Amino acid sequence: MRIINVMDQLSPEIAAEFPERGVQWVKDRVETMVNETGEYVREKPTQSLLYAFAAGYVLNRLPLGRVLAGFIRLLIVALRPAILIYGAARLYKAAQERE
């Protein structure tokens, strides 16, 4: 019931743009993070190498199969609301077009 009330307040175009905006936001954040990491490595190569060694050591000790499975489960849980909102927006748009 609450989703319908939220959808009444939003236009179908705006609701349909949510997934696209989310993907673009993630792309921008990843690009920014990669650029900042590159700058940090160029400024402090020795410290970066030590951090990379420490991260590699920790990752080597972790059970990667379970970590990867947990990450995939987290992605699935996070995608469910996005898919639900997208589907509700499409249904709302289809209902508006019928009227």
N, C-alpha and C. Protein backbone atom coordinates (compact mmCIF):
# COMPACT_ATOMS: atom_id res chain seq x y z
N MET A 1 0.82 -1.18 0.00
CA MET A 1 0.00 0.00 0.00
C MET A 1 0.87 1.25 0.00
N ARG A 2 1.96 1.18 0.73
CA ARG A 2 2.84 2.34 0.81
C ARG A 2 3.52 2.60 -0.53
N ILE A 3 3.86 1.57 -1.27
CA ILE A 3 4.51 1.74 -2.56
C ILE A 3 3.58 2.47 -3.52
N ILE A 4 2.30 2.14 -3.48
CA ILE A 4 1.34 2.80 -4.36
C ILE A 4 1.26 4.29 -4.04
N ASN A 5 1.27 4.64 -2.76
CA ASN A 5 1.23 6.05 -2.39
C ASN A 5 2.47 6.79 -2.86
N VAL A 6 3.62 6.16 -2.75
CA VAL A 6 4.85 6.78 -3.22
C VAL A 6 4.79 6.93 -4.73
N MET A 7 4.29 5.92 -5.42
CA MET A 7 4.21 5.96 -6.87
C MET A 7 3.24 7.03 -7.34
N ASP A 8 2.18 7.29 -6.56
CA ASP A 8 1.25 8.35 -6.93
C ASP A 8 1.92 9.72 -6.90
N GLN A 9 2.88 9.88 -6.02
CA GLN A 9 3.57 11.16 -5.88
C GLN A 9 4.64 11.35 -6.94
N LEU A 10 5.15 10.26 -7.50
CA LEU A 10 6.22 10.34 -8.50
C LEU A 10 5.64 10.11 -9.89
N SER A 11 6.21 10.79 -10.84
CA SER A 11 5.80 10.52 -12.21
C SER A 11 6.44 9.22 -12.67
N PRO A 12 5.83 8.51 -13.60
CA PRO A 12 6.41 7.24 -14.06
C PRO A 12 7.79 7.41 -14.68
N GLU A 13 8.02 8.55 -15.33
CA GLU A 13 9.32 8.77 -15.95
C GLU A 13 10.42 8.86 -14.90
N ILE A 14 10.13 9.56 -13.81
CA ILE A 14 11.14 9.70 -12.75
C ILE A 14 11.39 8.36 -12.09
N ALA A 15 10.34 7.60 -11.83
CA ALA A 15 10.50 6.30 -11.20
C ALA A 15 11.26 5.33 -12.11
N ALA A 16 11.02 5.41 -13.42
CA ALA A 16 11.72 4.54 -14.35
C ALA A 16 13.20 4.90 -14.48
N GLU A 17 13.54 6.15 -14.17
CA GLU A 17 14.93 6.59 -14.25
C GLU A 17 15.76 6.17 -13.05
N PHE A 18 15.13 5.72 -11.96
CA PHE A 18 15.88 5.34 -10.76
C PHE A 18 16.98 4.32 -11.04
N PRO A 19 16.69 3.20 -11.72
CA PRO A 19 17.78 2.24 -11.97
C PRO A 19 18.90 2.84 -12.82
N GLU A 20 18.54 3.64 -13.83
CA GLU A 20 19.56 4.25 -14.68
C GLU A 20 20.42 5.21 -13.88
N ARG A 21 19.78 6.00 -13.03
CA ARG A 21 20.54 6.92 -12.18
C ARG A 21 21.47 6.17 -11.24
N GLY A 22 20.97 5.06 -10.69
CA GLY A 22 21.78 4.26 -9.78
C GLY A 22 23.01 3.70 -10.47
N VAL A 23 22.84 3.19 -11.67
CA VAL A 23 23.97 2.64 -12.42
C VAL A 23 24.97 3.74 -12.74
N GLN A 24 24.49 4.90 -13.16
CA GLN A 24 25.39 6.00 -13.47
C GLN A 24 26.13 6.48 -12.23
N TRP A 25 25.43 6.53 -11.09
CA TRP A 25 26.04 6.95 -9.83
C TRP A 25 27.17 5.98 -9.47
N VAL A 26 26.92 4.67 -9.59
CA VAL A 26 27.94 3.68 -9.27
C VAL A 26 29.13 3.82 -10.21
N LYS A 27 28.87 4.01 -11.50
CA LYS A 27 29.97 4.19 -12.46
C LYS A 27 30.81 5.41 -12.09
N ASP A 28 30.16 6.51 -11.74
CA ASP A 28 30.90 7.72 -11.36
C ASP A 28 31.74 7.49 -10.12
N ARG A 29 31.16 6.81 -9.12
CA ARG A 29 31.91 6.55 -7.88
C ARG A 29 33.10 5.64 -8.13
N VAL A 30 32.92 4.60 -8.93
CA VAL A 30 34.03 3.68 -9.21
C VAL A 30 35.13 4.42 -9.97
N GLU A 31 34.74 5.23 -10.95
CA GLU A 31 35.74 5.99 -11.71
C GLU A 31 36.51 6.94 -10.80
N THR A 32 35.80 7.62 -9.91
CA THR A 32 36.45 8.53 -8.97
C THR A 32 37.41 7.76 -8.06
N MET A 33 36.98 6.61 -7.57
CA MET A 33 37.81 5.82 -6.67
C MET A 33 39.06 5.32 -7.40
N VAL A 34 38.92 4.89 -8.64
CA VAL A 34 40.07 4.43 -9.41
C VAL A 34 41.05 5.57 -9.65
N ASN A 35 40.54 6.74 -9.98
CA ASN A 35 41.42 7.90 -10.21
C ASN A 35 42.14 8.31 -8.92
N GLU A 36 41.42 8.34 -7.80
CA GLU A 36 42.05 8.70 -6.53
C GLU A 36 43.08 7.67 -6.10
N THR A 37 42.79 6.40 -6.36
CA THR A 37 43.74 5.35 -6.02
C THR A 37 45.01 5.48 -6.86
N GLY A 38 44.84 5.77 -8.14
CA GLY A 38 46.00 5.96 -9.01
C GLY A 38 46.87 7.12 -8.56
N GLU A 39 46.22 8.22 -8.18
CA GLU A 39 46.97 9.38 -7.68
C GLU A 39 47.72 9.03 -6.39
N TYR A 40 47.05 8.30 -5.50
CA TYR A 40 47.67 7.93 -4.22
C TYR A 40 48.89 7.03 -4.47
N VAL A 41 48.76 6.09 -5.40
CA VAL A 41 49.87 5.18 -5.69
C VAL A 41 51.04 5.94 -6.29
N ARG A 42 50.76 6.93 -7.14
CA ARG A 42 51.86 7.73 -7.71
C ARG A 42 52.53 8.60 -6.66
N GLU A 43 51.76 9.09 -5.69
CA GLU A 43 52.34 9.94 -4.64
C GLU A 43 53.11 9.13 -3.60
N LYS A 44 52.59 7.95 -3.22
CA LYS A 44 53.20 7.14 -2.16
C LYS A 44 53.32 5.69 -2.63
N PRO A 45 54.29 5.40 -3.50
CA PRO A 45 54.38 4.04 -4.04
C PRO A 45 54.77 2.99 -2.99
N THR A 46 55.66 3.33 -2.08
CA THR A 46 56.11 2.35 -1.09
C THR A 46 54.98 1.99 -0.14
N GLN A 47 54.29 3.00 0.37
CA GLN A 47 53.17 2.76 1.27
C GLN A 47 52.06 1.98 0.56
N SER A 48 51.84 2.29 -0.70
CA SER A 48 50.82 1.58 -1.48
C SER A 48 51.19 0.11 -1.64
N LEU A 49 52.46 -0.16 -1.86
CA LEU A 49 52.93 -1.53 -2.00
C LEU A 49 52.73 -2.30 -0.70
N LEU A 50 53.01 -1.66 0.42
CA LEU A 50 52.80 -2.31 1.72
C LEU A 50 51.32 -2.60 1.96
N TYR A 51 50.46 -1.64 1.62
CA TYR A 51 49.01 -1.86 1.77
C TYR A 51 48.54 -3.01 0.86
N ALA A 52 49.06 -3.05 -0.35
CA ALA A 52 48.68 -4.12 -1.27
C ALA A 52 49.14 -5.48 -0.74
N PHE A 53 50.35 -5.52 -0.18
CA PHE A 53 50.85 -6.76 0.39
C PHE A 53 49.97 -7.20 1.57
N ALA A 54 49.61 -6.27 2.43
CA ALA A 54 48.77 -6.59 3.58
C ALA A 54 47.38 -7.07 3.13
N ALA A 55 46.81 -6.39 2.15
CA ALA A 55 45.50 -6.80 1.64
C ALA A 55 45.58 -8.18 1.01
N GLY A 56 46.64 -8.44 0.26
CA GLY A 56 46.82 -9.76 -0.35
C GLY A 56 46.98 -10.84 0.69
N TYR A 57 47.69 -10.55 1.76
CA TYR A 57 47.88 -11.52 2.83
C TYR A 57 46.54 -11.84 3.50
N VAL A 58 45.76 -10.80 3.79
CA VAL A 58 44.45 -11.01 4.42
C VAL A 58 43.53 -11.78 3.49
N LEU A 59 43.50 -11.41 2.22
CA LEU A 59 42.65 -12.12 1.26
C LEU A 59 43.07 -13.58 1.09
N ASN A 60 44.37 -13.82 1.19
CA ASN A 60 44.87 -15.19 1.09
C ASN A 60 44.39 -16.04 2.26
N ARG A 61 44.23 -15.45 3.41
CA ARG A 61 43.80 -16.16 4.61
C ARG A 61 42.29 -16.34 4.68
N LEU A 62 41.54 -15.53 3.95
CA LEU A 62 40.08 -15.62 3.99
C LEU A 62 39.58 -16.77 3.13
N PRO A 63 38.47 -17.36 3.53
CA PRO A 63 37.85 -18.35 2.67
C PRO A 63 37.10 -17.62 1.55
N LEU A 64 37.75 -17.46 0.40
CA LEU A 64 37.22 -16.64 -0.67
C LEU A 64 35.88 -17.14 -1.21
N GLY A 65 35.67 -18.43 -1.20
CA GLY A 65 34.40 -18.96 -1.68
C GLY A 65 33.23 -18.43 -0.86
N ARG A 66 33.38 -18.43 0.45
CA ARG A 66 32.31 -17.93 1.32
C ARG A 66 32.16 -16.42 1.20
N VAL A 67 33.26 -15.73 1.07
CA VAL A 67 33.19 -14.28 0.92
C VAL A 67 32.47 -13.91 -0.38
N LEU A 68 32.82 -14.58 -1.46
CA LEU A 68 32.17 -14.32 -2.75
C LEU A 68 30.69 -14.68 -2.71
N ALA A 69 30.36 -15.80 -2.09
CA ALA A 69 28.95 -16.20 -1.96
C ALA A 69 28.17 -15.18 -1.13
N GLY A 70 28.76 -14.69 -0.08
CA GLY A 70 28.11 -13.66 0.74
C GLY A 70 27.90 -12.37 -0.03
N PHE A 71 28.88 -12.01 -0.84
CA PHE A 71 28.76 -10.80 -1.65
C PHE A 71 27.64 -10.95 -2.68
N ILE A 72 27.54 -12.11 -3.30
CA ILE A 72 26.49 -12.34 -4.28
C ILE A 72 25.12 -12.32 -3.61
N ARG A 73 25.01 -12.92 -2.42
CA ARG A 73 23.74 -12.86 -1.68
C ARG A 73 23.37 -11.42 -1.34
N LEU A 74 24.36 -10.63 -0.95
CA LEU A 74 24.11 -9.22 -0.64
C LEU A 74 23.63 -8.47 -1.88
N LEU A 75 24.23 -8.75 -3.03
CA LEU A 75 23.79 -8.11 -4.27
C LEU A 75 22.35 -8.47 -4.60
N ILE A 76 22.00 -9.74 -4.43
CA ILE A 76 20.64 -10.17 -4.73
C ILE A 76 19.65 -9.47 -3.80
N VAL A 77 19.98 -9.38 -2.53
CA VAL A 77 19.10 -8.71 -1.58
C VAL A 77 18.97 -7.23 -1.92
N ALA A 78 20.03 -6.60 -2.37
CA ALA A 78 19.99 -5.18 -2.71
C ALA A 78 19.25 -4.94 -4.02
N LEU A 79 19.28 -5.89 -4.93
CA LEU A 79 18.61 -5.70 -6.22
C LEU A 79 17.10 -5.90 -6.14
N ARG A 80 16.63 -6.68 -5.19
CA ARG A 80 15.19 -6.94 -5.08
C ARG A 80 14.37 -5.66 -4.97
N PRO A 81 14.70 -4.73 -4.07
CA PRO A 81 13.90 -3.50 -4.00
C PRO A 81 13.98 -2.68 -5.29
N ALA A 82 15.13 -2.65 -5.92
CA ALA A 82 15.27 -1.89 -7.16
C ALA A 82 14.40 -2.48 -8.25
N ILE A 83 14.38 -3.79 -8.35
CA ILE A 83 13.55 -4.45 -9.36
C ILE A 83 12.07 -4.23 -9.05
N LEU A 84 11.71 -4.28 -7.78
CA LEU A 84 10.33 -4.05 -7.37
C LEU A 84 9.88 -2.64 -7.73
N ILE A 85 10.70 -1.65 -7.45
CA ILE A 85 10.36 -0.26 -7.77
C ILE A 85 10.25 -0.08 -9.28
N TYR A 86 11.18 -0.66 -10.02
CA TYR A 86 11.14 -0.55 -11.47
C TYR A 86 9.87 -1.19 -12.04
N GLY A 87 9.53 -2.37 -11.55
CA GLY A 87 8.32 -3.04 -12.00
C GLY A 87 7.07 -2.26 -11.65
N ALA A 88 7.03 -1.71 -10.44
CA ALA A 88 5.87 -0.91 -10.03
C ALA A 88 5.74 0.33 -10.90
N ALA A 89 6.86 0.94 -11.26
CA ALA A 89 6.82 2.12 -12.12
C ALA A 89 6.31 1.77 -13.50
N ARG A 90 6.73 0.63 -14.03
CA ARG A 90 6.25 0.20 -15.34
C ARG A 90 4.76 -0.11 -15.31
N LEU A 91 4.29 -0.76 -14.24
CA LEU A 91 2.86 -1.05 -14.11
C LEU A 91 2.05 0.24 -14.00
N TYR A 92 2.56 1.17 -13.23
CA TYR A 92 1.88 2.45 -13.06
C TYR A 92 1.80 3.19 -14.40
N LYS A 93 2.89 3.17 -15.14
CA LYS A 93 2.92 3.83 -16.44
C LYS A 93 1.93 3.16 -17.41
N ALA A 94 1.89 1.83 -17.40
CA ALA A 94 0.96 1.11 -18.26
C ALA A 94 -0.48 1.42 -17.88
N ALA A 95 -0.76 1.52 -16.59
CA ALA A 95 -2.12 1.84 -16.14
C ALA A 95 -2.49 3.26 -16.54
N GLN A 96 -1.56 4.17 -16.49
CA GLN A 96 -1.82 5.56 -16.88
C GLN A 96 -2.08 5.65 -18.38
N GLU A 97 -1.38 4.85 -19.17
CA GLU A 97 -1.56 4.87 -20.61
C GLU A 97 -2.90 4.29 -21.03
N ARG A 98 -3.42 3.34 -20.26
CA ARG A 98 -4.72 2.75 -20.55
C ARG A 98 -5.86 3.75 -20.33
N GLU A 99 -5.68 4.64 -19.37
CA GLU A 99 -6.75 5.62 -19.05
C GLU A 99 -6.82 6.73 -20.01
